[in-house]
Amino acid sequence: CGVPCGVEAFRHARKVLVEDEIDVEKEFKS
């Protein structure tokens, strides 16, 4: 879809992860 679309996708995904207090580092260590 293109880099600008990817930027937005990661931005909105990150916002959900922060709002839901999901520990990304912990998830990826597994």
mmCIF file of all heavy atoms, coordinates in Angstrom:
data_MODEL
# 
_entry.id   MODEL 
# 
loop_
_atom_site.group_PDB 
_atom_site.id 
_atom_site.type_symbol 
_atom_site.label_atom_id 
_atom_site.label_alt_id 
_atom_site.label_comp_id 
_atom_site.label_asym_id 
_atom_site.label_entity_id 
_atom_site.label_seq_id 
_atom_site.pdbx_PDB_ins_code 
_atom_site.Cartn_x 
_atom_site.Cartn_y 
_atom_site.Cartn_z 
_atom_site.occupancy 
_atom_site.B_iso_or_equiv 
_atom_site.pdbx_formal_charge 
_atom_site.auth_seq_id 
_atom_site.auth_comp_id 
_atom_site.auth_asym_id 
_atom_site.auth_atom_id 
_atom_site.pdbx_PDB_model_num 
ATOM 1   N N   . CYS A 1 1  ? 0.819  -1.225  0.000  1.00 0.00 ? 1  CYS A N   1 
ATOM 2   C CA  . CYS A 1 1  ? 0.000  0.000   0.000  1.00 0.00 ? 1  CYS A CA  1 
ATOM 3   C C   . CYS A 1 1  ? 0.848  1.269   0.000  1.00 0.00 ? 1  CYS A C   1 
ATOM 4   O O   . CYS A 1 1  ? 0.325  2.351   -0.203 1.00 0.00 ? 1  CYS A O   1 
ATOM 5   C CB  . CYS A 1 1  ? -0.936 0.010   1.208  1.00 0.00 ? 1  CYS A CB  1 
ATOM 6   S SG  . CYS A 1 1  ? -2.147 -1.311  1.195  1.00 0.00 ? 1  CYS A SG  1 
ATOM 7   N N   . GLY A 1 2  ? 2.128  1.128   0.280  1.00 0.00 ? 2  GLY A N   1 
ATOM 8   C CA  . GLY A 1 2  ? 3.026  2.271   0.286  1.00 0.00 ? 2  GLY A CA  1 
ATOM 9   C C   . GLY A 1 2  ? 3.461  2.664   1.682  1.00 0.00 ? 2  GLY A C   1 
ATOM 10  O O   . GLY A 1 2  ? 2.770  2.399   2.668  1.00 0.00 ? 2  GLY A O   1 
ATOM 11  N N   . VAL A 1 3  ? 4.614  3.290   1.749  1.00 0.00 ? 3  VAL A N   1 
ATOM 12  C CA  . VAL A 1 3  ? 5.211  3.668   3.029  1.00 0.00 ? 3  VAL A CA  1 
ATOM 13  C C   . VAL A 1 3  ? 4.297  4.596   3.842  1.00 0.00 ? 3  VAL A C   1 
ATOM 14  O O   . VAL A 1 3  ? 4.103  4.365   5.044  1.00 0.00 ? 3  VAL A O   1 
ATOM 15  C CB  . VAL A 1 3  ? 6.616  4.276   2.831  1.00 0.00 ? 3  VAL A CB  1 
ATOM 16  C CG1 . VAL A 1 3  ? 7.166  4.851   4.129  1.00 0.00 ? 3  VAL A CG1 1 
ATOM 17  C CG2 . VAL A 1 3  ? 7.563  3.205   2.284  1.00 0.00 ? 3  VAL A CG2 1 
ATOM 18  N N   . PRO A 1 4  ? 3.695  5.632   3.260  1.00 0.00 ? 4  PRO A N   1 
ATOM 19  C CA  . PRO A 1 4  ? 2.815  6.476   4.078  1.00 0.00 ? 4  PRO A CA  1 
ATOM 20  C C   . PRO A 1 4  ? 1.674  5.686   4.729  1.00 0.00 ? 4  PRO A C   1 
ATOM 21  O O   . PRO A 1 4  ? 1.320  5.927   5.880  1.00 0.00 ? 4  PRO A O   1 
ATOM 22  C CB  . PRO A 1 4  ? 2.282  7.514   3.088  1.00 0.00 ? 4  PRO A CB  1 
ATOM 23  C CG  . PRO A 1 4  ? 3.353  7.617   2.055  1.00 0.00 ? 4  PRO A CG  1 
ATOM 24  C CD  . PRO A 1 4  ? 3.860  6.199   1.894  1.00 0.00 ? 4  PRO A CD  1 
ATOM 25  N N   . CYS A 1 5  ? 1.138  4.720   4.014  1.00 0.00 ? 5  CYS A N   1 
ATOM 26  C CA  . CYS A 1 5  ? 0.081  3.873   4.571  1.00 0.00 ? 5  CYS A CA  1 
ATOM 27  C C   . CYS A 1 5  ? 0.641  3.007   5.704  1.00 0.00 ? 5  CYS A C   1 
ATOM 28  O O   . CYS A 1 5  ? 0.004  2.842   6.747  1.00 0.00 ? 5  CYS A O   1 
ATOM 29  C CB  . CYS A 1 5  ? -0.511 3.004   3.463  1.00 0.00 ? 5  CYS A CB  1 
ATOM 30  S SG  . CYS A 1 5  ? -2.008 2.145   3.919  1.00 0.00 ? 5  CYS A SG  1 
ATOM 31  N N   . GLY A 1 6  ? 1.834  2.478   5.505  1.00 0.00 ? 6  GLY A N   1 
ATOM 32  C CA  . GLY A 1 6  ? 2.477  1.693   6.554  1.00 0.00 ? 6  GLY A CA  1 
ATOM 33  C C   . GLY A 1 6  ? 2.758  2.520   7.795  1.00 0.00 ? 6  GLY A C   1 
ATOM 34  O O   . GLY A 1 6  ? 2.589  2.045   8.920  1.00 0.00 ? 6  GLY A O   1 
ATOM 35  N N   . VAL A 1 7  ? 3.186  3.762   7.587  1.00 0.00 ? 7  VAL A N   1 
ATOM 36  C CA  . VAL A 1 7  ? 3.421  4.669   8.722  1.00 0.00 ? 7  VAL A CA  1 
ATOM 37  C C   . VAL A 1 7  ? 2.135  4.818   9.534  1.00 0.00 ? 7  VAL A C   1 
ATOM 38  O O   . VAL A 1 7  ? 2.145  4.715   10.763 1.00 0.00 ? 7  VAL A O   1 
ATOM 39  C CB  . VAL A 1 7  ? 3.940  6.049   8.232  1.00 0.00 ? 7  VAL A CB  1 
ATOM 40  C CG1 . VAL A 1 7  ? 3.904  7.077   9.350  1.00 0.00 ? 7  VAL A CG1 1 
ATOM 41  C CG2 . VAL A 1 7  ? 5.334  5.917   7.657  1.00 0.00 ? 7  VAL A CG2 1 
ATOM 42  N N   . GLU A 1 8  ? 1.038  5.060   8.851  1.00 0.00 ? 8  GLU A N   1 
ATOM 43  C CA  . GLU A 1 8  ? -0.250 5.220   9.543  1.00 0.00 ? 8  GLU A CA  1 
ATOM 44  C C   . GLU A 1 8  ? -0.673 3.928   10.231 1.00 0.00 ? 8  GLU A C   1 
ATOM 45  O O   . GLU A 1 8  ? -1.179 3.961   11.355 1.00 0.00 ? 8  GLU A O   1 
ATOM 46  C CB  . GLU A 1 8  ? -1.343 5.678   8.570  1.00 0.00 ? 8  GLU A CB  1 
ATOM 47  C CG  . GLU A 1 8  ? -1.229 7.119   8.156  1.00 0.00 ? 8  GLU A CG  1 
ATOM 48  C CD  . GLU A 1 8  ? -1.356 8.075   9.331  1.00 0.00 ? 8  GLU A CD  1 
ATOM 49  O OE1 . GLU A 1 8  ? -2.306 7.962   10.124 1.00 0.00 ? 8  GLU A OE1 1 
ATOM 50  O OE2 . GLU A 1 8  ? -0.487 8.948   9.458  1.00 0.00 ? 8  GLU A OE2 1 
ATOM 51  N N   . ALA A 1 9  ? -0.470 2.804   9.565  1.00 0.00 ? 9  ALA A N   1 
ATOM 52  C CA  . ALA A 1 9  ? -0.848 1.522   10.157 1.00 0.00 ? 9  ALA A CA  1 
ATOM 53  C C   . ALA A 1 9  ? -0.078 1.274   11.457 1.00 0.00 ? 9  ALA A C   1 
ATOM 54  O O   . ALA A 1 9  ? -0.670 0.914   12.479 1.00 0.00 ? 9  ALA A O   1 
ATOM 55  C CB  . ALA A 1 9  ? -0.606 0.384   9.158  1.00 0.00 ? 9  ALA A CB  1 
ATOM 56  N N   . PHE A 1 10 ? 1.241  1.487   11.418 1.00 0.00 ? 10 PHE A N   1 
ATOM 57  C CA  . PHE A 1 10 ? 2.032  1.302   12.633 1.00 0.00 ? 10 PHE A CA  1 
ATOM 58  C C   . PHE A 1 10 ? 1.648  2.331   13.702 1.00 0.00 ? 10 PHE A C   1 
ATOM 59  O O   . PHE A 1 10 ? 1.605  2.004   14.886 1.00 0.00 ? 10 PHE A O   1 
ATOM 60  C CB  . PHE A 1 10 ? 3.533  1.360   12.326 1.00 0.00 ? 10 PHE A CB  1 
ATOM 61  C CG  . PHE A 1 10 ? 4.100  0.034   11.914 1.00 0.00 ? 10 PHE A CG  1 
ATOM 62  C CD1 . PHE A 1 10 ? 4.243  -0.290  10.567 1.00 0.00 ? 10 PHE A CD1 1 
ATOM 63  C CD2 . PHE A 1 10 ? 4.481  -0.898  12.869 1.00 0.00 ? 10 PHE A CD2 1 
ATOM 64  C CE1 . PHE A 1 10 ? 4.771  -1.520  10.185 1.00 0.00 ? 10 PHE A CE1 1 
ATOM 65  C CE2 . PHE A 1 10 ? 5.008  -2.128  12.500 1.00 0.00 ? 10 PHE A CE2 1 
ATOM 66  C CZ  . PHE A 1 10 ? 5.145  -2.438  11.149 1.00 0.00 ? 10 PHE A CZ  1 
ATOM 67  N N   . ARG A 1 11 ? 1.357  3.552   13.303 1.00 0.00 ? 11 ARG A N   1 
ATOM 68  C CA  . ARG A 1 11 ? 0.968  4.595   14.256 1.00 0.00 ? 11 ARG A CA  1 
ATOM 69  C C   . ARG A 1 11 ? -0.320 4.211   14.989 1.00 0.00 ? 11 ARG A C   1 
ATOM 70  O O   . ARG A 1 11 ? -0.407 4.289   16.206 1.00 0.00 ? 11 ARG A O   1 
ATOM 71  C CB  . ARG A 1 11 ? 0.781  5.934   13.534 1.00 0.00 ? 11 ARG A CB  1 
ATOM 72  C CG  . ARG A 1 11 ? 0.357  7.068   14.475 1.00 0.00 ? 11 ARG A CG  1 
ATOM 73  C CD  . ARG A 1 11 ? 0.196  8.401   13.751 1.00 0.00 ? 11 ARG A CD  1 
ATOM 74  N NE  . ARG A 1 11 ? 1.499  8.847   13.263 1.00 0.00 ? 11 ARG A NE  1 
ATOM 75  C CZ  . ARG A 1 11 ? 1.740  9.276   12.031 1.00 0.00 ? 11 ARG A CZ  1 
ATOM 76  N NH1 . ARG A 1 11 ? 0.771  9.352   11.137 1.00 0.00 ? 11 ARG A NH1 1 
ATOM 77  N NH2 . ARG A 1 11 ? 2.949  9.650   11.680 1.00 0.00 ? 11 ARG A NH2 1 
ATOM 78  N N   . HIS A 1 12 ? -1.310 3.767   14.240 1.00 0.00 ? 12 HIS A N   1 
ATOM 79  C CA  . HIS A 1 12 ? -2.594 3.417   14.860 1.00 0.00 ? 12 HIS A CA  1 
ATOM 80  C C   . HIS A 1 12 ? -2.487 2.120   15.666 1.00 0.00 ? 12 HIS A C   1 
ATOM 81  O O   . HIS A 1 12 ? -3.122 1.995   16.716 1.00 0.00 ? 12 HIS A O   1 
ATOM 82  C CB  . HIS A 1 12 ? -3.690 3.343   13.804 1.00 0.00 ? 12 HIS A CB  1 
ATOM 83  C CG  . HIS A 1 12 ? -4.089 4.690   13.311 1.00 0.00 ? 12 HIS A CG  1 
ATOM 84  N ND1 . HIS A 1 12 ? -5.019 5.479   13.964 1.00 0.00 ? 12 HIS A ND1 1 
ATOM 85  C CD2 . HIS A 1 12 ? -3.660 5.416   12.255 1.00 0.00 ? 12 HIS A CD2 1 
ATOM 86  C CE1 . HIS A 1 12 ? -5.153 6.625   13.322 1.00 0.00 ? 12 HIS A CE1 1 
ATOM 87  N NE2 . HIS A 1 12 ? -4.333 6.617   12.282 1.00 0.00 ? 12 HIS A NE2 1 
ATOM 88  N N   . ALA A 1 13 ? -1.673 1.189   15.199 1.00 0.00 ? 13 ALA A N   1 
ATOM 89  C CA  . ALA A 1 13 ? -1.453 -0.042  15.954 1.00 0.00 ? 13 ALA A CA  1 
ATOM 90  C C   . ALA A 1 13 ? -0.761 0.270   17.285 1.00 0.00 ? 13 ALA A C   1 
ATOM 91  O O   . ALA A 1 13 ? -1.164 -0.222  18.342 1.00 0.00 ? 13 ALA A O   1 
ATOM 92  C CB  . ALA A 1 13 ? -0.613 -1.015  15.132 1.00 0.00 ? 13 ALA A CB  1 
ATOM 93  N N   . ARG A 1 14 ? 0.250  1.112   17.233 1.00 0.00 ? 14 ARG A N   1 
ATOM 94  C CA  . ARG A 1 14 ? 0.986  1.492   18.446 1.00 0.00 ? 14 ARG A CA  1 
ATOM 95  C C   . ARG A 1 14 ? 0.037  2.147   19.450 1.00 0.00 ? 14 ARG A C   1 
ATOM 96  O O   . ARG A 1 14 ? 0.097  1.871   20.643 1.00 0.00 ? 14 ARG A O   1 
ATOM 97  C CB  . ARG A 1 14 ? 2.144  2.430   18.065 1.00 0.00 ? 14 ARG A CB  1 
ATOM 98  C CG  . ARG A 1 14 ? 2.802  3.197   19.187 1.00 0.00 ? 14 ARG A CG  1 
ATOM 99  C CD  . ARG A 1 14 ? 3.354  2.388   20.306 1.00 0.00 ? 14 ARG A CD  1 
ATOM 100 N NE  . ARG A 1 14 ? 4.475  1.577   19.953 1.00 0.00 ? 14 ARG A NE  1 
ATOM 101 C CZ  . ARG A 1 14 ? 4.769  0.464   20.636 1.00 0.00 ? 14 ARG A CZ  1 
ATOM 102 N NH1 . ARG A 1 14 ? 4.025  0.078   21.637 1.00 0.00 ? 14 ARG A NH1 1 
ATOM 103 N NH2 . ARG A 1 14 ? 5.808  -0.251  20.316 1.00 0.00 ? 14 ARG A NH2 1 
ATOM 104 N N   . LYS A 1 15 ? -0.850 3.007   18.963 1.00 0.00 ? 15 LYS A N   1 
ATOM 105 C CA  . LYS A 1 15 ? -1.806 3.677   19.847 1.00 0.00 ? 15 LYS A CA  1 
ATOM 106 C C   . LYS A 1 15 ? -2.686 2.653   20.569 1.00 0.00 ? 15 LYS A C   1 
ATOM 107 O O   . LYS A 1 15 ? -2.910 2.764   21.777 1.00 0.00 ? 15 LYS A O   1 
ATOM 108 C CB  . LYS A 1 15 ? -2.673 4.650   19.043 1.00 0.00 ? 15 LYS A CB  1 
ATOM 109 C CG  . LYS A 1 15 ? -3.618 5.456   19.888 1.00 0.00 ? 15 LYS A CG  1 
ATOM 110 C CD  . LYS A 1 15 ? -4.411 6.462   19.065 1.00 0.00 ? 15 LYS A CD  1 
ATOM 111 C CE  . LYS A 1 15 ? -5.358 7.207   19.995 1.00 0.00 ? 15 LYS A CE  1 
ATOM 112 N NZ  . LYS A 1 15 ? -6.398 7.912   19.279 1.00 0.00 ? 15 LYS A NZ  1 
ATOM 113 N N   . VAL A 1 16 ? -3.163 1.639   19.857 1.00 0.00 ? 16 VAL A N   1 
ATOM 114 C CA  . VAL A 1 16 ? -3.975 0.581   20.475 1.00 0.00 ? 16 VAL A CA  1 
ATOM 115 C C   . VAL A 1 16 ? -3.149 -0.168  21.517 1.00 0.00 ? 16 VAL A C   1 
ATOM 116 O O   . VAL A 1 16 ? -3.626 -0.432  22.630 1.00 0.00 ? 16 VAL A O   1 
ATOM 117 C CB  . VAL A 1 16 ? -4.531 -0.391  19.414 1.00 0.00 ? 16 VAL A CB  1 
ATOM 118 C CG1 . VAL A 1 16 ? -5.132 -1.632  20.063 1.00 0.00 ? 16 VAL A CG1 1 
ATOM 119 C CG2 . VAL A 1 16 ? -5.565 0.311   18.535 1.00 0.00 ? 16 VAL A CG2 1 
ATOM 120 N N   . LEU A 1 17 ? -1.910 -0.509  21.186 1.00 0.00 ? 17 LEU A N   1 
ATOM 121 C CA  . LEU A 1 17 ? -1.056 -1.245  22.118 1.00 0.00 ? 17 LEU A CA  1 
ATOM 122 C C   . LEU A 1 17 ? -0.821 -0.446  23.399 1.00 0.00 ? 17 LEU A C   1 
ATOM 123 O O   . LEU A 1 17 ? -0.853 -1.002  24.501 1.00 0.00 ? 17 LEU A O   1 
ATOM 124 C CB  . LEU A 1 17 ? 0.269  -1.597  21.454 1.00 0.00 ? 17 LEU A CB  1 
ATOM 125 C CG  . LEU A 1 17 ? 0.170  -2.570  20.267 1.00 0.00 ? 17 LEU A CG  1 
ATOM 126 C CD1 . LEU A 1 17 ? 1.509  -2.667  19.549 1.00 0.00 ? 17 LEU A CD1 1 
ATOM 127 C CD2 . LEU A 1 17 ? -0.317 -3.933  20.722 1.00 0.00 ? 17 LEU A CD2 1 
ATOM 128 N N   . VAL A 1 18 ? -0.614 0.856   23.257 1.00 0.00 ? 18 VAL A N   1 
ATOM 129 C CA  . VAL A 1 18 ? -0.410 1.715   24.426 1.00 0.00 ? 18 VAL A CA  1 
ATOM 130 C C   . VAL A 1 18 ? -1.699 1.817   25.235 1.00 0.00 ? 18 VAL A C   1 
ATOM 131 O O   . VAL A 1 18 ? -1.695 1.648   26.458 1.00 0.00 ? 18 VAL A O   1 
ATOM 132 C CB  . VAL A 1 18 ? 0.105  3.112   23.999 1.00 0.00 ? 18 VAL A CB  1 
ATOM 133 C CG1 . VAL A 1 18 ? 0.060  4.095   25.155 1.00 0.00 ? 18 VAL A CG1 1 
ATOM 134 C CG2 . VAL A 1 18 ? 1.523  2.997   23.443 1.00 0.00 ? 18 VAL A CG2 1 
ATOM 135 N N   . GLU A 1 19 ? -2.818 2.086   24.558 1.00 0.00 ? 19 GLU A N   1 
ATOM 136 C CA  . GLU A 1 19 ? -4.107 2.219   25.254 1.00 0.00 ? 19 GLU A CA  1 
ATOM 137 C C   . GLU A 1 19 ? -4.463 0.946   26.018 1.00 0.00 ? 19 GLU A C   1 
ATOM 138 O O   . GLU A 1 19 ? -5.011 1.005   27.109 1.00 0.00 ? 19 GLU A O   1 
ATOM 139 C CB  . GLU A 1 19 ? -5.228 2.529   24.257 1.00 0.00 ? 19 GLU A CB  1 
ATOM 140 C CG  . GLU A 1 19 ? -5.202 3.941   23.726 1.00 0.00 ? 19 GLU A CG  1 
ATOM 141 C CD  . GLU A 1 19 ? -6.225 4.163   22.624 1.00 0.00 ? 19 GLU A CD  1 
ATOM 142 O OE1 . GLU A 1 19 ? -6.938 3.204   22.202 1.00 0.00 ? 19 GLU A OE1 1 
ATOM 143 O OE2 . GLU A 1 19 ? -6.315 5.317   22.142 1.00 0.00 ? 19 GLU A OE2 1 
ATOM 144 N N   . ASP A 1 20 ? -4.161 -0.198  25.430 1.00 0.00 ? 20 ASP A N   1 
ATOM 145 C CA  . ASP A 1 20 ? -4.504 -1.475  26.058 1.00 0.00 ? 20 ASP A CA  1 
ATOM 146 C C   . ASP A 1 20 ? -3.404 -2.006  26.963 1.00 0.00 ? 20 ASP A C   1 
ATOM 147 O O   . ASP A 1 20 ? -3.493 -3.121  27.474 1.00 0.00 ? 20 ASP A O   1 
ATOM 148 C CB  . ASP A 1 20 ? -4.857 -2.506  24.987 1.00 0.00 ? 20 ASP A CB  1 
ATOM 149 C CG  . ASP A 1 20 ? -6.159 -2.181  24.277 1.00 0.00 ? 20 ASP A CG  1 
ATOM 150 O OD1 . ASP A 1 20 ? -6.821 -1.181  24.635 1.00 0.00 ? 20 ASP A OD1 1 
ATOM 151 O OD2 . ASP A 1 20 ? -6.524 -2.934  23.355 1.00 0.00 ? 20 ASP A OD2 1 
ATOM 152 N N   . GLU A 1 21 ? -2.355 -1.191  27.138 1.00 0.00 ? 21 GLU A N   1 
ATOM 153 C CA  . GLU A 1 21 ? -1.239 -1.521  28.024 1.00 0.00 ? 21 GLU A CA  1 
ATOM 154 C C   . GLU A 1 21 ? -0.631 -2.888  27.716 1.00 0.00 ? 21 GLU A C   1 
ATOM 155 O O   . GLU A 1 21 ? -0.363 -3.695  28.604 1.00 0.00 ? 21 GLU A O   1 
ATOM 156 C CB  . GLU A 1 21 ? -1.668 -1.420  29.488 1.00 0.00 ? 21 GLU A CB  1 
ATOM 157 C CG  . GLU A 1 21 ? -2.125 -0.023  29.871 1.00 0.00 ? 21 GLU A CG  1 
ATOM 158 C CD  . GLU A 1 21 ? -2.598 0.098   31.308 1.00 0.00 ? 21 GLU A CD  1 
ATOM 159 O OE1 . GLU A 1 21 ? -2.738 -0.930  32.006 1.00 0.00 ? 21 GLU A OE1 1 
ATOM 160 O OE2 . GLU A 1 21 ? -2.826 1.239   31.729 1.00 0.00 ? 21 GLU A OE2 1 
ATOM 161 N N   . ILE A 1 22 ? -0.394 -3.134  26.441 1.00 0.00 ? 22 ILE A N   1 
ATOM 162 C CA  . ILE A 1 22 ? 0.228  -4.383  26.008 1.00 0.00 ? 22 ILE A CA  1 
ATOM 163 C C   . ILE A 1 22 ? 1.735  -4.172  25.989 1.00 0.00 ? 22 ILE A C   1 
ATOM 164 O O   . ILE A 1 22 ? 2.238  -3.260  25.335 1.00 0.00 ? 22 ILE A O   1 
ATOM 165 C CB  . ILE A 1 22 ? -0.307 -4.814  24.630 1.00 0.00 ? 22 ILE A CB  1 
ATOM 166 C CG1 . ILE A 1 22 ? -1.801 -5.135  24.755 1.00 0.00 ? 22 ILE A CG1 1 
ATOM 167 C CG2 . ILE A 1 22 ? 0.489  -6.000  24.094 1.00 0.00 ? 22 ILE A CG2 1 
ATOM 168 C CD1 . ILE A 1 22 ? -2.503 -5.410  23.444 1.00 0.00 ? 22 ILE A CD1 1 
ATOM 169 N N   . ASP A 1 23 ? 2.433  -5.011  26.716 1.00 0.00 ? 23 ASP A N   1 
ATOM 170 C CA  . ASP A 1 23 ? 3.887  -4.919  26.825 1.00 0.00 ? 23 ASP A CA  1 
ATOM 171 C C   . ASP A 1 23 ? 4.523  -5.580  25.607 1.00 0.00 ? 23 ASP A C   1 
ATOM 172 O O   . ASP A 1 23 ? 4.699  -6.799  25.555 1.00 0.00 ? 23 ASP A O   1 
ATOM 173 C CB  . ASP A 1 23 ? 4.345  -5.597  28.118 1.00 0.00 ? 23 ASP A CB  1 
ATOM 174 C CG  . ASP A 1 23 ? 5.825  -5.437  28.379 1.00 0.00 ? 23 ASP A CG  1 
ATOM 175 O OD1 . ASP A 1 23 ? 6.581  -5.076  27.447 1.00 0.00 ? 23 ASP A OD1 1 
ATOM 176 O OD2 . ASP A 1 23 ? 6.245  -5.692  29.525 1.00 0.00 ? 23 ASP A OD2 1 
ATOM 177 N N   . VAL A 1 24 ? 4.859  -4.763  24.628 1.00 0.00 ? 24 VAL A N   1 
ATOM 178 C CA  . VAL A 1 24 ? 5.403  -5.249  23.368 1.00 0.00 ? 24 VAL A CA  1 
ATOM 179 C C   . VAL A 1 24 ? 6.718  -5.984  23.584 1.00 0.00 ? 24 VAL A C   1 
ATOM 180 O O   . VAL A 1 24 ? 6.947  -7.061  23.015 1.00 0.00 ? 24 VAL A O   1 
ATOM 181 C CB  . VAL A 1 24 ? 5.578  -4.082  22.365 1.00 0.00 ? 24 VAL A CB  1 
ATOM 182 C CG1 . VAL A 1 24 ? 6.287  -4.540  21.114 1.00 0.00 ? 24 VAL A CG1 1 
ATOM 183 C CG2 . VAL A 1 24 ? 4.237  -3.453  22.042 1.00 0.00 ? 24 VAL A CG2 1 
ATOM 184 N N   . GLU A 1 25 ? 7.589  -5.434  24.396 1.00 0.00 ? 25 GLU A N   1 
ATOM 185 C CA  . GLU A 1 25 ? 8.890  -6.069  24.626 1.00 0.00 ? 25 GLU A CA  1 
ATOM 186 C C   . GLU A 1 25 ? 8.723  -7.450  25.242 1.00 0.00 ? 25 GLU A C   1 
ATOM 187 O O   . GLU A 1 25 ? 9.406  -8.400  24.852 1.00 0.00 ? 25 GLU A O   1 
ATOM 188 C CB  . GLU A 1 25 ? 9.779  -5.180  25.498 1.00 0.00 ? 25 GLU A CB  1 
ATOM 189 C CG  . GLU A 1 25 ? 10.107 -3.830  24.860 1.00 0.00 ? 25 GLU A CG  1 
ATOM 190 C CD  . GLU A 1 25 ? 10.676 -3.944  23.454 1.00 0.00 ? 25 GLU A CD  1 
ATOM 191 O OE1 . GLU A 1 25 ? 11.495 -4.854  23.185 1.00 0.00 ? 25 GLU A OE1 1 
ATOM 192 O OE2 . GLU A 1 25 ? 10.296 -3.114  22.607 1.00 0.00 ? 25 GLU A OE2 1 
ATOM 193 N N   . LYS A 1 26 ? 7.818  -7.576  26.178 1.00 0.00 ? 26 LYS A N   1 
ATOM 194 C CA  . LYS A 1 26 ? 7.559  -8.866  26.807 1.00 0.00 ? 26 LYS A CA  1 
ATOM 195 C C   . LYS A 1 26 ? 7.027  -9.857  25.775 1.00 0.00 ? 26 LYS A C   1 
ATOM 196 O O   . LYS A 1 26 ? 7.437  -11.013 25.747 1.00 0.00 ? 26 LYS A O   1 
ATOM 197 C CB  . LYS A 1 26 ? 6.556  -8.700  27.949 1.00 0.00 ? 26 LYS A CB  1 
ATOM 198 C CG  . LYS A 1 26 ? 6.202  -9.988  28.648 1.00 0.00 ? 26 LYS A CG  1 
ATOM 199 C CD  . LYS A 1 26 ? 5.189  -9.756  29.748 1.00 0.00 ? 26 LYS A CD  1 
ATOM 200 C CE  . LYS A 1 26 ? 4.760  -11.075 30.351 1.00 0.00 ? 26 LYS A CE  1 
ATOM 201 N NZ  . LYS A 1 26 ? 3.676  -10.909 31.313 1.00 0.00 ? 26 LYS A NZ  1 
ATOM 202 N N   . GLU A 1 27 ? 6.107  -9.401  24.923 1.00 0.00 ? 27 GLU A N   1 
ATOM 203 C CA  . GLU A 1 27 ? 5.529  -10.258 23.891 1.00 0.00 ? 27 GLU A CA  1 
ATOM 204 C C   . GLU A 1 27 ? 6.605  -10.781 22.948 1.00 0.00 ? 27 GLU A C   1 
ATOM 205 O O   . GLU A 1 27 ? 6.610  -11.949 22.595 1.00 0.00 ? 27 GLU A O   1 
ATOM 206 C CB  . GLU A 1 27 ? 4.473  -9.508  23.087 1.00 0.00 ? 27 GLU A CB  1 
ATOM 207 C CG  . GLU A 1 27 ? 3.213  -9.216  23.860 1.00 0.00 ? 27 GLU A CG  1 
ATOM 208 C CD  . GLU A 1 27 ? 2.346  -10.434 24.088 1.00 0.00 ? 27 GLU A CD  1 
ATOM 209 O OE1 . GLU A 1 27 ? 2.327  -11.345 23.223 1.00 0.00 ? 27 GLU A OE1 1 
ATOM 210 O OE2 . GLU A 1 27 ? 1.686  -10.489 25.135 1.00 0.00 ? 27 GLU A OE2 1 
ATOM 211 N N   . PHE A 1 28 ? 7.537  -9.901  22.530 1.00 0.00 ? 28 PHE A N   1 
ATOM 212 C CA  . PHE A 1 28 ? 8.531  -10.332 21.568 1.00 0.00 ? 28 PHE A CA  1 
ATOM 213 C C   . PHE A 1 28 ? 9.652  -11.163 22.200 1.00 0.00 ? 28 PHE A C   1 
ATOM 214 O O   . PHE A 1 28 ? 10.292 -11.938 21.514 1.00 0.00 ? 28 PHE A O   1 
ATOM 215 C CB  . PHE A 1 28 ? 9.083  -9.136  20.771 1.00 0.00 ? 28 PHE A CB  1 
ATOM 216 C CG  . PHE A 1 28 ? 8.168  -8.779  19.638 1.00 0.00 ? 28 PHE A CG  1 
ATOM 217 C CD1 . PHE A 1 28 ? 7.194  -7.811  19.794 1.00 0.00 ? 28 PHE A CD1 1 
ATOM 218 C CD2 . PHE A 1 28 ? 8.246  -9.454  18.431 1.00 0.00 ? 28 PHE A CD2 1 
ATOM 219 C CE1 . PHE A 1 28 ? 6.316  -7.510  18.767 1.00 0.00 ? 28 PHE A CE1 1 
ATOM 220 C CE2 . PHE A 1 28 ? 7.374  -9.154  17.393 1.00 0.00 ? 28 PHE A CE2 1 
ATOM 221 C CZ  . PHE A 1 28 ? 6.406  -8.187  17.563 1.00 0.00 ? 28 PHE A CZ  1 
ATOM 222 N N   . LYS A 1 29 ? 9.870  -11.024 23.492 1.00 0.00 ? 29 LYS A N   1 
ATOM 223 C CA  . LYS A 1 29 ? 10.845 -11.892 24.159 1.00 0.00 ? 29 LYS A CA  1 
ATOM 224 C C   . LYS A 1 29 ? 10.382 -13.340 24.123 1.00 0.00 ? 29 LYS A C   1 
ATOM 225 O O   . LYS A 1 29 ? 11.189 -14.254 24.083 1.00 0.00 ? 29 LYS A O   1 
ATOM 226 C CB  . LYS A 1 29 ? 11.073 -11.438 25.608 1.00 0.00 ? 29 LYS A CB  1 
ATOM 227 C CG  . LYS A 1 29 ? 11.981 -10.249 25.698 1.00 0.00 ? 29 LYS A CG  1 
ATOM 228 C CD  . LYS A 1 29 ? 12.265 -9.869  27.121 1.00 0.00 ? 29 LYS A CD  1 
ATOM 229 C CE  . LYS A 1 29 ? 13.125 -8.620  27.104 1.00 0.00 ? 29 LYS A CE  1 
ATOM 230 N NZ  . LYS A 1 29 ? 13.355 -8.068  28.388 1.00 0.00 ? 29 LYS A NZ  1 
ATOM 231 N N   . SER A 1 30 ? 9.070  -13.556 24.098 1.00 0.00 ? 30 SER A N   1 
ATOM 232 C CA  . SER A 1 30 ? 8.558  -14.935 24.063 1.00 0.00 ? 30 SER A CA  1 
ATOM 233 C C   . SER A 1 30 ? 8.816  -15.600 22.715 1.00 0.00 ? 30 SER A C   1 
ATOM 234 O O   . SER A 1 30 ? 8.716  -16.800 22.593 1.00 0.00 ? 30 SER A O   1 
ATOM 235 C CB  . SER A 1 30 ? 7.053  -14.948 24.379 1.00 0.00 ? 30 SER A CB  1 
ATOM 236 O OG  . SER A 1 30 ? 6.319  -14.312 23.352 1.00 0.00 ? 30 SER A OG  1 
# 
